[in-house]
N, C-alpha and C. Protein backbone atom coordinates (compact mmCIF):
# COMPACT_ATOMS: atom_id res chain seq x y z
N UNK A 1 3.59 3.14 4.73
CA UNK A 1 3.28 4.56 5.39
C UNK A 1 1.95 4.69 5.91
N UNK A 2 1.04 4.21 5.11
CA UNK A 2 -0.35 4.21 5.60
C UNK A 2 -0.55 3.06 6.97
N UNK A 3 0.02 2.16 6.73
CA UNK A 3 -0.52 1.30 7.83
C UNK A 3 0.27 1.77 9.25
N UNK A 4 1.48 2.19 9.27
CA UNK A 4 2.22 2.95 10.14
C UNK A 4 1.22 4.04 10.81
N UNK A 5 0.80 5.17 10.22
CA UNK A 5 -0.14 6.16 10.26
C UNK A 5 -1.41 5.81 10.98
N UNK A 6 -1.84 4.39 10.45
CA UNK A 6 -3.05 3.98 11.18
C UNK A 6 -2.90 3.43 12.38
N UNK A 7 -1.94 2.56 12.31
CA UNK A 7 -1.71 2.12 13.86
C UNK A 7 -1.43 3.32 15.12
N UNK A 8 -0.74 4.10 14.70
CA UNK A 8 -0.30 5.26 15.45
C UNK A 8 -1.55 6.29 16.07
N UNK A 9 -2.23 6.57 14.92
CA UNK A 9 -3.39 7.20 15.15
C UNK A 9 -4.60 6.62 15.90
N UNK A 10 -4.52 5.12 15.57
CA UNK A 10 -5.68 4.47 16.14
C UNK A 10 -5.46 4.24 17.56
N UNK A 11 -4.00 3.85 18.15
CA UNK A 11 -3.55 3.93 19.39
C UNK A 11 -3.71 4.93 20.17
N UNK A 12 -3.23 6.09 19.63
CA UNK A 12 -3.60 7.35 20.28
C UNK A 12 -4.77 7.71 20.67
N UNK A 13 -5.89 7.46 20.04
CA UNK A 13 -7.00 7.86 20.19
C UNK A 13 -7.74 6.90 21.07
N UNK A 14 -7.23 5.51 21.13
CA UNK A 14 -7.86 4.90 21.98
C UNK A 14 -7.29 5.17 23.56
N UNK A 15 -6.04 5.48 23.51
CA UNK A 15 -5.39 5.96 24.90
C UNK A 15 -6.24 7.36 25.43
N UNK A 16 -6.46 8.08 24.50
CA UNK A 16 -7.19 9.38 24.89
C UNK A 16 -8.74 8.96 25.25
N UNK A 17 -9.39 8.24 24.82
CA UNK A 17 -10.66 7.99 25.31
C UNK A 17 -10.76 7.11 26.37
N UNK A 18 -9.75 6.10 26.56
CA UNK A 18 -9.45 5.72 28.15
C UNK A 18 -9.46 6.47 29.03
N UNK A 19 -8.54 7.23 28.88
CA UNK A 19 -8.23 8.59 29.85
C UNK A 19 -9.29 9.12 30.09
N UNK A 20 -10.07 9.73 29.04
CA UNK A 20 -11.36 10.43 29.11
C UNK A 20 -12.26 9.83 29.95
N UNK A 21 -12.60 8.57 29.63
CA UNK A 21 -13.67 7.63 30.43
C UNK A 21 -13.34 7.46 31.86
N UNK A 22 -11.88 7.12 32.32
CA UNK A 22 -11.73 7.28 33.41
C UNK A 22 -11.88 8.41 34.35
N UNK A 23 -11.67 9.60 33.82
CA UNK A 23 -11.73 10.97 34.37
C UNK A 23 -13.23 11.09 34.56
N UNK A 24 -14.03 10.66 33.54
CA UNK A 24 -15.35 10.74 33.74
C UNK A 24 -16.12 9.82 34.62
N UNK A 25 -15.53 8.90 35.08
CA UNK A 25 -15.97 7.70 35.64
C UNK A 25 -17.02 6.96 34.90
N UNK A 26 -16.78 6.80 33.75
CA UNK A 26 -17.57 5.95 32.90
C UNK A 26 -17.47 4.41 33.12
N UNK A 27 -18.30 3.62 32.99
CA UNK A 27 -18.36 2.02 32.91
C UNK A 27 -17.33 1.74 31.73
N UNK A 28 -16.40 0.54 32.21
CA UNK A 28 -15.64 -0.15 31.13
C UNK A 28 -16.37 -0.47 29.79
N UNK A 29 -17.74 -0.99 29.89
CA UNK A 29 -18.46 -1.38 28.76
C UNK A 29 -18.48 0.19 27.55
N UNK A 30 -18.62 1.28 28.31
CA UNK A 30 -19.05 2.52 27.75
C UNK A 30 -17.79 2.81 27.16
N UNK A 31 -16.62 2.81 27.74
CA UNK A 31 -15.20 3.07 27.47
C UNK A 31 -14.88 2.23 26.25
N UNK A 32 -15.07 0.91 26.29
CA UNK A 32 -14.50 -0.01 25.27
C UNK A 32 -15.38 0.17 23.99
N UNK A 33 -16.73 0.23 24.07
CA UNK A 33 -17.53 0.91 22.94
C UNK A 33 -17.04 2.07 22.25
N UNK A 34 -16.65 3.10 22.90
CA UNK A 34 -16.40 4.24 22.44
C UNK A 34 -14.87 4.10 21.84
N UNK A 35 -14.05 3.30 22.37
CA UNK A 35 -12.88 2.89 22.16
C UNK A 35 -12.80 2.20 20.68
N UNK A 36 -13.94 1.14 20.32
CA UNK A 36 -13.68 0.50 19.09
C UNK A 36 -14.19 1.63 18.13
N UNK A 37 -15.19 2.38 18.34
CA UNK A 37 -15.72 3.29 17.20
C UNK A 37 -14.55 4.19 16.73
N UNK A 38 -13.84 4.71 17.99
CA UNK A 38 -12.95 5.83 17.69
C UNK A 38 -11.77 5.22 16.98
N UNK A 39 -11.28 4.08 17.29
CA UNK A 39 -10.36 3.25 16.91
C UNK A 39 -10.21 3.20 15.41
N UNK A 40 -11.50 2.55 15.16
CA UNK A 40 -11.77 2.32 13.59
C UNK A 40 -11.57 3.67 12.73
N UNK A 41 -12.22 4.49 13.33
CA UNK A 41 -12.55 5.80 12.58
C UNK A 41 -11.16 6.67 12.23
N UNK A 42 -10.35 6.74 13.57
CA UNK A 42 -9.07 7.03 13.46
C UNK A 42 -7.99 6.05 12.55
N UNK A 43 -7.96 5.08 12.73
CA UNK A 43 -7.27 4.07 11.99
C UNK A 43 -7.47 4.39 10.33
N UNK A 44 -8.70 4.48 10.03
CA UNK A 44 -8.96 4.89 8.46
C UNK A 44 -8.38 6.09 8.23
N UNK A 45 -8.75 7.19 9.15
CA UNK A 45 -7.96 8.55 8.81
C UNK A 45 -6.46 8.38 8.51
N UNK A 46 -6.01 7.68 9.68
CA UNK A 46 -4.49 7.60 9.62
C UNK A 46 -3.98 6.92 8.30
N UNK A 47 -4.78 5.67 7.74
CA UNK A 47 -4.27 5.47 6.64
C UNK A 47 -4.55 6.22 5.57
N UNK A 48 -5.42 6.84 5.48
CA UNK A 48 -5.57 7.68 4.27
C UNK A 48 -4.41 8.67 4.18
N UNK A 49 -4.20 9.24 5.43
CA UNK A 49 -3.18 10.49 5.51
C UNK A 49 -2.09 9.66 5.00
N UNK A 50 -1.47 8.49 5.63
CA UNK A 50 -0.39 7.86 5.16
C UNK A 50 -0.31 7.48 3.71
N UNK A 51 -1.38 7.05 3.17
CA UNK A 51 -1.37 6.74 1.77
C UNK A 51 -0.93 8.12 0.91
N UNK A 52 -1.76 9.15 1.24
CA UNK A 52 -1.40 10.53 0.63
C UNK A 52 -0.13 11.03 0.64
N UNK A 53 0.41 11.05 2.02
CA UNK A 53 1.87 10.94 2.19
C UNK A 53 2.74 10.44 1.34
N UNK A 54 2.68 8.88 1.29
CA UNK A 54 3.36 8.32 0.47
C UNK A 54 3.17 8.58 -1.18
N UNK A 55 1.96 8.82 -1.41
CA UNK A 55 2.12 9.04 -2.75
C UNK A 55 2.76 10.47 -3.37
N UNK A 56 2.65 11.41 -2.50
CA UNK A 56 3.33 12.66 -2.55
C UNK A 56 4.62 12.69 -2.50
N UNK A 57 5.35 11.71 -1.55
CA UNK A 57 6.75 11.71 -1.54
C UNK A 57 7.10 10.96 -2.69
N UNK A 58 6.75 9.80 -2.91
CA UNK A 58 7.25 9.18 -4.23
C UNK A 58 7.16 9.76 -5.66
N UNK A 59 6.00 10.72 -5.98
CA UNK A 59 5.76 11.50 -6.87
C UNK A 59 7.08 12.58 -6.93
N UNK A 60 7.34 13.32 -5.62
CA UNK A 60 8.32 14.26 -5.40
C UNK A 60 9.62 13.65 -6.00
N UNK A 61 10.06 12.48 -5.62
CA UNK A 61 11.16 11.74 -5.97
C UNK A 61 11.14 11.40 -7.39
N UNK A 62 10.29 10.69 -7.81
CA UNK A 62 10.09 10.66 -9.26
C UNK A 62 10.35 11.85 -9.96
N UNK A 63 9.64 12.83 -9.85
CA UNK A 63 9.91 14.22 -10.70
C UNK A 63 11.37 14.68 -10.27
N UNK A 64 11.99 14.70 -9.18
CA UNK A 64 13.30 15.21 -9.07
C UNK A 64 14.03 14.16 -9.92
N UNK A 65 13.88 12.88 -9.90
CA UNK A 65 14.68 12.04 -10.52
C UNK A 65 14.72 12.09 -12.12
N UNK A 66 13.36 12.55 -12.65
CA UNK A 66 13.14 12.73 -14.14
C UNK A 66 14.01 14.13 -14.49
N UNK A 67 13.68 15.03 -13.77
CA UNK A 67 14.27 16.41 -14.02
C UNK A 67 15.80 16.20 -13.95
N UNK A 68 16.35 15.46 -13.14
CA UNK A 68 17.96 15.30 -13.16
C UNK A 68 18.50 14.33 -14.15
N UNK A 69 17.63 13.36 -14.58
CA UNK A 69 18.10 12.47 -15.73
C UNK A 69 18.00 13.60 -17.10
N UNK A 70 16.98 14.28 -17.38
CA UNK A 70 16.82 15.25 -18.48
C UNK A 70 18.17 16.05 -18.44
N UNK A 71 18.42 16.55 -17.26
CA UNK A 71 19.62 17.52 -17.17
C UNK A 71 20.96 16.80 -17.66
N UNK A 72 21.03 15.60 -17.18
CA UNK A 72 22.32 15.07 -17.54
C UNK A 72 22.30 14.60 -19.09
N UNK A 73 21.19 14.17 -19.32
CA UNK A 73 21.07 13.73 -20.72
C UNK A 73 21.19 15.13 -21.76
N UNK A 74 20.77 16.23 -21.58
CA UNK A 74 21.06 17.42 -22.12
C UNK A 74 22.55 17.86 -22.18
N UNK A 75 23.37 17.70 -20.86
CA UNK A 75 24.72 18.04 -20.78
C UNK A 75 25.47 17.02 -21.55
N UNK A 76 24.88 15.70 -21.79
CA UNK A 76 25.64 14.70 -22.46
C UNK A 76 25.71 15.13 -23.91
N UNK A 77 24.42 15.58 -24.07
CA UNK A 77 24.15 15.91 -25.79
C UNK A 77 25.06 16.90 -26.25
N UNK A 78 25.28 17.77 -25.26
CA UNK A 78 25.85 19.21 -25.45
C UNK A 78 27.54 18.92 -25.52
N UNK A 79 27.90 18.05 -24.80
CA UNK A 79 28.96 17.64 -24.68
C UNK A 79 29.57 16.97 -25.89
N UNK A 80 28.56 16.13 -26.42
CA UNK A 80 28.64 15.34 -27.71
C UNK A 80 28.96 16.21 -28.81
N UNK A 81 27.93 17.26 -28.94
CA UNK A 81 28.18 18.18 -29.88
C UNK A 81 29.22 18.93 -30.13
N UNK A 82 29.81 19.10 -28.93
CA UNK A 82 30.93 20.03 -28.97
C UNK A 82 32.31 19.39 -29.33
N UNK A 83 32.22 17.77 -28.83
CA UNK A 83 33.48 17.29 -29.18
C UNK A 83 33.49 16.65 -30.69
N UNK A 84 32.07 16.92 -31.11
CA UNK A 84 32.31 16.48 -32.68
C UNK A 84 32.59 17.40 -33.59
N UNK A 85 32.70 18.85 -33.04
CA UNK A 85 33.23 20.08 -33.76
C UNK A 85 34.60 20.00 -34.12
């Protein structure tokens, strides 16, 4: 997920910088230099956001799975104790 967010945010930032440079009448060298800096920073930011999102989702799924397994085990244990009486 981190790589996907990285690519999307980096590309989006580059497109905005190119549009901004064209609107301001900047030279191509200036536009490309700004694009490089902004692409690297936004790609890093996107990777960090994607990493955090992936970790949050996997922890949530794991917690839900563990709670469901605990519920099923307690239900099975109560069924076993009722059937042995």
